Amino acid sequence: PAFVTGLVYAKRLTIAPAEDLSALIQTLRTQGFDDGMILELNQVVAYFNYANRTANGLGVTTVGDELGLSPGDDEDPDNWNHQ
């Protein structure tokens, strides 16, 4: 149940960031989350929302890229295509 509640928290923070989540935070506490765990959950969700919204706002896409690989062409510093 605690894992699922963490996912609910992540979803609600993502979809409605201005929503009052104090009741959900209290539920996390009763399910064993301490303040440090709640803070870490909050920071991870907030960071990925920030990063994704920044990329989306700049029109960054992954079209044509094979995900999960690092650039491998050391001979051409301008080639950031995945090899």
N, C-alpha and C. Protein backbone atom coordinates (compact mmCIF):
# COMPACT_ATOMS: atom_id res chain seq x y z
N PRO A 1 0.80 -1.22 0.00
CA PRO A 1 0.00 0.00 0.00
C PRO A 1 0.83 1.28 0.00
N ALA A 2 1.96 1.30 0.72
CA ALA A 2 2.77 2.52 0.79
C ALA A 2 3.33 2.87 -0.58
N PHE A 3 3.76 1.87 -1.34
CA PHE A 3 4.30 2.10 -2.68
C PHE A 3 3.23 2.73 -3.56
N VAL A 4 2.02 2.18 -3.50
CA VAL A 4 0.92 2.71 -4.30
C VAL A 4 0.59 4.15 -3.88
N THR A 5 0.60 4.41 -2.58
CA THR A 5 0.33 5.77 -2.10
C THR A 5 1.41 6.73 -2.61
N GLY A 6 2.65 6.27 -2.65
CA GLY A 6 3.73 7.09 -3.22
C GLY A 6 3.48 7.41 -4.68
N LEU A 7 2.97 6.43 -5.43
CA LEU A 7 2.65 6.67 -6.84
C LEU A 7 1.49 7.65 -6.98
N VAL A 8 0.50 7.52 -6.11
CA VAL A 8 -0.63 8.47 -6.13
C VAL A 8 -0.12 9.88 -5.85
N TYR A 9 0.78 10.01 -4.87
CA TYR A 9 1.37 11.32 -4.56
C TYR A 9 2.09 11.88 -5.79
N ALA A 10 2.89 11.04 -6.45
CA ALA A 10 3.64 11.47 -7.63
C ALA A 10 2.69 11.93 -8.73
N LYS A 11 1.65 11.16 -8.96
CA LYS A 11 0.69 11.52 -10.01
C LYS A 11 -0.02 12.83 -9.70
N ARG A 12 -0.47 12.98 -8.48
CA ARG A 12 -1.20 14.20 -8.12
C ARG A 12 -0.29 15.43 -8.14
N LEU A 13 0.96 15.28 -7.71
CA LEU A 13 1.90 16.39 -7.77
C LEU A 13 2.19 16.77 -9.22
N THR A 14 2.21 15.79 -10.10
CA THR A 14 2.47 16.04 -11.51
C THR A 14 1.29 16.71 -12.20
N ILE A 15 0.10 16.20 -11.96
CA ILE A 15 -1.09 16.67 -12.67
C ILE A 15 -1.64 17.97 -12.09
N ALA A 16 -1.59 18.11 -10.78
CA ALA A 16 -2.17 19.29 -10.12
C ALA A 16 -1.22 19.81 -9.05
N PRO A 17 -0.11 20.44 -9.47
CA PRO A 17 0.92 20.84 -8.50
C PRO A 17 0.46 21.83 -7.44
N ALA A 18 -0.62 22.56 -7.68
CA ALA A 18 -1.10 23.53 -6.69
C ALA A 18 -2.07 22.91 -5.69
N GLU A 19 -2.42 21.65 -5.88
CA GLU A 19 -3.37 20.97 -4.99
C GLU A 19 -2.78 20.81 -3.58
N ASP A 20 -3.62 20.92 -2.58
CA ASP A 20 -3.22 20.68 -1.19
C ASP A 20 -3.07 19.17 -0.98
N LEU A 21 -1.86 18.72 -0.76
CA LEU A 21 -1.58 17.29 -0.61
C LEU A 21 -1.33 16.90 0.84
N SER A 22 -1.69 17.77 1.79
CA SER A 22 -1.38 17.50 3.19
C SER A 22 -2.02 16.21 3.70
N ALA A 23 -3.24 15.90 3.29
CA ALA A 23 -3.89 14.66 3.74
C ALA A 23 -3.16 13.45 3.17
N LEU A 24 -2.72 13.54 1.93
CA LEU A 24 -1.98 12.44 1.32
C LEU A 24 -0.61 12.27 1.98
N ILE A 25 0.01 13.37 2.34
CA ILE A 25 1.30 13.31 3.05
C ILE A 25 1.11 12.64 4.40
N GLN A 26 0.02 12.95 5.08
CA GLN A 26 -0.26 12.29 6.36
C GLN A 26 -0.47 10.79 6.16
N THR A 27 -1.14 10.41 5.08
CA THR A 27 -1.32 8.99 4.77
C THR A 27 0.03 8.32 4.54
N LEU A 28 0.93 8.99 3.83
CA LEU A 28 2.28 8.45 3.64
C LEU A 28 2.95 8.22 4.99
N ARG A 29 2.81 9.16 5.89
CA ARG A 29 3.42 9.01 7.23
C ARG A 29 2.85 7.80 7.96
N THR A 30 1.54 7.62 7.91
CA THR A 30 0.93 6.48 8.62
C THR A 30 1.32 5.16 7.98
N GLN A 31 1.78 5.20 6.73
CA GLN A 31 2.21 3.98 6.05
C GLN A 31 3.72 3.77 6.13
N GLY A 32 4.39 4.56 6.97
CA GLY A 32 5.79 4.31 7.24
C GLY A 32 6.79 5.27 6.61
N PHE A 33 6.33 6.23 5.83
CA PHE A 33 7.25 7.21 5.26
C PHE A 33 7.63 8.21 6.34
N ASP A 34 8.93 8.47 6.49
CA ASP A 34 9.34 9.54 7.39
C ASP A 34 9.50 10.82 6.57
N ASP A 35 9.79 11.92 7.23
CA ASP A 35 9.88 13.20 6.52
C ASP A 35 10.96 13.19 5.44
N GLY A 36 12.07 12.52 5.70
CA GLY A 36 13.14 12.44 4.71
C GLY A 36 12.70 11.68 3.46
N MET A 37 11.96 10.61 3.64
CA MET A 37 11.47 9.83 2.50
C MET A 37 10.46 10.64 1.69
N ILE A 38 9.60 11.37 2.38
CA ILE A 38 8.61 12.20 1.69
C ILE A 38 9.32 13.31 0.92
N LEU A 39 10.32 13.92 1.53
CA LEU A 39 11.09 14.95 0.84
C LEU A 39 11.77 14.39 -0.39
N GLU A 40 12.37 13.21 -0.27
CA GLU A 40 13.05 12.61 -1.42
C GLU A 40 12.06 12.30 -2.54
N LEU A 41 10.91 11.75 -2.20
CA LEU A 41 9.87 11.48 -3.19
C LEU A 41 9.47 12.78 -3.88
N ASN A 42 9.25 13.82 -3.09
CA ASN A 42 8.87 15.12 -3.64
C ASN A 42 9.94 15.66 -4.59
N GLN A 43 11.20 15.57 -4.19
CA GLN A 43 12.28 16.12 -5.00
C GLN A 43 12.44 15.36 -6.32
N VAL A 44 12.32 14.05 -6.29
CA VAL A 44 12.45 13.26 -7.52
C VAL A 44 11.32 13.60 -8.48
N VAL A 45 10.10 13.62 -7.97
CA VAL A 45 8.94 13.94 -8.82
C VAL A 45 9.07 15.36 -9.37
N ALA A 46 9.41 16.31 -8.52
CA ALA A 46 9.52 17.70 -8.95
C ALA A 46 10.64 17.87 -9.98
N TYR A 47 11.78 17.21 -9.77
CA TYR A 47 12.88 17.33 -10.72
C TYR A 47 12.50 16.81 -12.10
N PHE A 48 11.90 15.62 -12.15
CA PHE A 48 11.55 15.06 -13.45
C PHE A 48 10.44 15.86 -14.13
N ASN A 49 9.52 16.41 -13.35
CA ASN A 49 8.52 17.30 -13.95
C ASN A 49 9.19 18.53 -14.54
N TYR A 50 10.13 19.10 -13.81
CA TYR A 50 10.86 20.27 -14.29
C TYR A 50 11.62 19.94 -15.58
N ALA A 51 12.37 18.85 -15.55
CA ALA A 51 13.19 18.48 -16.71
C ALA A 51 12.31 18.19 -17.93
N ASN A 52 11.24 17.45 -17.73
CA ASN A 52 10.36 17.13 -18.85
C ASN A 52 9.66 18.36 -19.40
N ARG A 53 9.21 19.25 -18.53
CA ARG A 53 8.53 20.46 -19.00
C ARG A 53 9.51 21.39 -19.70
N THR A 54 10.75 21.43 -19.23
CA THR A 54 11.77 22.23 -19.90
C THR A 54 12.02 21.70 -21.31
N ALA A 55 12.21 20.39 -21.42
CA ALA A 55 12.46 19.78 -22.73
C ALA A 55 11.26 19.97 -23.65
N ASN A 56 10.06 19.72 -23.14
CA ASN A 56 8.86 19.89 -23.96
C ASN A 56 8.71 21.34 -24.42
N GLY A 57 8.99 22.28 -23.53
CA GLY A 57 8.86 23.69 -23.85
C GLY A 57 9.85 24.16 -24.90
N LEU A 58 10.96 23.45 -25.01
CA LEU A 58 11.97 23.79 -26.02
C LEU A 58 11.81 22.98 -27.30
N GLY A 59 10.81 22.11 -27.32
CA GLY A 59 10.56 21.31 -28.52
C GLY A 59 11.50 20.12 -28.67
N VAL A 60 12.16 19.73 -27.60
CA VAL A 60 13.07 18.59 -27.66
C VAL A 60 12.25 17.32 -27.82
N THR A 61 12.67 16.47 -28.74
CA THR A 61 12.01 15.18 -28.93
C THR A 61 13.06 14.08 -28.98
N THR A 62 12.60 12.87 -28.94
CA THR A 62 13.50 11.72 -29.08
C THR A 62 13.28 11.03 -30.42
N VAL A 63 12.57 11.70 -31.32
CA VAL A 63 12.32 11.13 -32.64
C VAL A 63 13.65 10.91 -33.35
N GLY A 64 13.88 9.69 -33.79
CA GLY A 64 15.11 9.36 -34.50
C GLY A 64 16.25 8.93 -33.60
N ASP A 65 16.10 9.06 -32.30
CA ASP A 65 17.14 8.64 -31.37
C ASP A 65 16.78 7.29 -30.77
N GLU A 66 17.79 6.47 -30.60
CA GLU A 66 17.61 5.21 -29.89
C GLU A 66 17.97 5.49 -28.43
N LEU A 67 16.99 5.38 -27.56
CA LEU A 67 17.19 5.77 -26.17
C LEU A 67 18.00 4.75 -25.40
N GLY A 68 18.72 5.23 -24.39
CA GLY A 68 19.48 4.36 -23.51
C GLY A 68 20.93 4.20 -23.89
N LEU A 69 21.35 4.82 -24.96
CA LEU A 69 22.74 4.73 -25.39
C LEU A 69 23.41 6.09 -25.24
N SER A 70 24.70 6.08 -24.94
CA SER A 70 25.42 7.35 -24.85
C SER A 70 26.10 7.63 -26.18
N PRO A 71 26.36 8.91 -26.46
CA PRO A 71 27.06 9.23 -27.71
C PRO A 71 28.39 8.51 -27.77
N GLY A 72 28.73 8.01 -28.94
CA GLY A 72 29.94 7.20 -29.04
C GLY A 72 30.93 7.64 -30.09
N ASP A 73 30.80 8.84 -30.66
CA ASP A 73 31.71 9.29 -31.71
C ASP A 73 32.66 10.34 -31.14
N ASP A 74 33.76 9.87 -30.56
CA ASP A 74 34.73 10.79 -29.96
C ASP A 74 35.48 11.62 -31.00
N GLU A 75 35.47 11.16 -32.25
CA GLU A 75 36.19 11.86 -33.32
C GLU A 75 35.47 13.13 -33.76
N ASP A 76 34.17 13.19 -33.53
CA ASP A 76 33.37 14.33 -33.97
C ASP A 76 32.59 14.89 -32.79
N PRO A 77 33.12 15.92 -32.11
CA PRO A 77 32.47 16.45 -30.91
C PRO A 77 31.09 17.06 -31.19
N ASP A 78 30.79 17.36 -32.46
CA ASP A 78 29.48 17.91 -32.80
C ASP A 78 28.45 16.83 -33.09
N ASN A 79 28.86 15.58 -33.15
CA ASN A 79 27.94 14.49 -33.43
C ASN A 79 27.41 13.93 -32.12
N TRP A 80 26.20 14.33 -31.77
CA TRP A 80 25.56 13.83 -30.55
C TRP A 80 24.50 12.79 -30.86
N ASN A 81 24.50 12.27 -32.08
CA ASN A 81 23.58 11.17 -32.39
C ASN A 81 24.05 9.93 -31.65
N HIS A 82 23.12 9.15 -31.19
CA HIS A 82 23.48 7.92 -30.50
C HIS A 82 24.02 6.92 -31.51
N GLN A 83 25.10 6.28 -31.15
CA GLN A 83 25.77 5.33 -32.05
C GLN A 83 25.34 3.91 -31.74
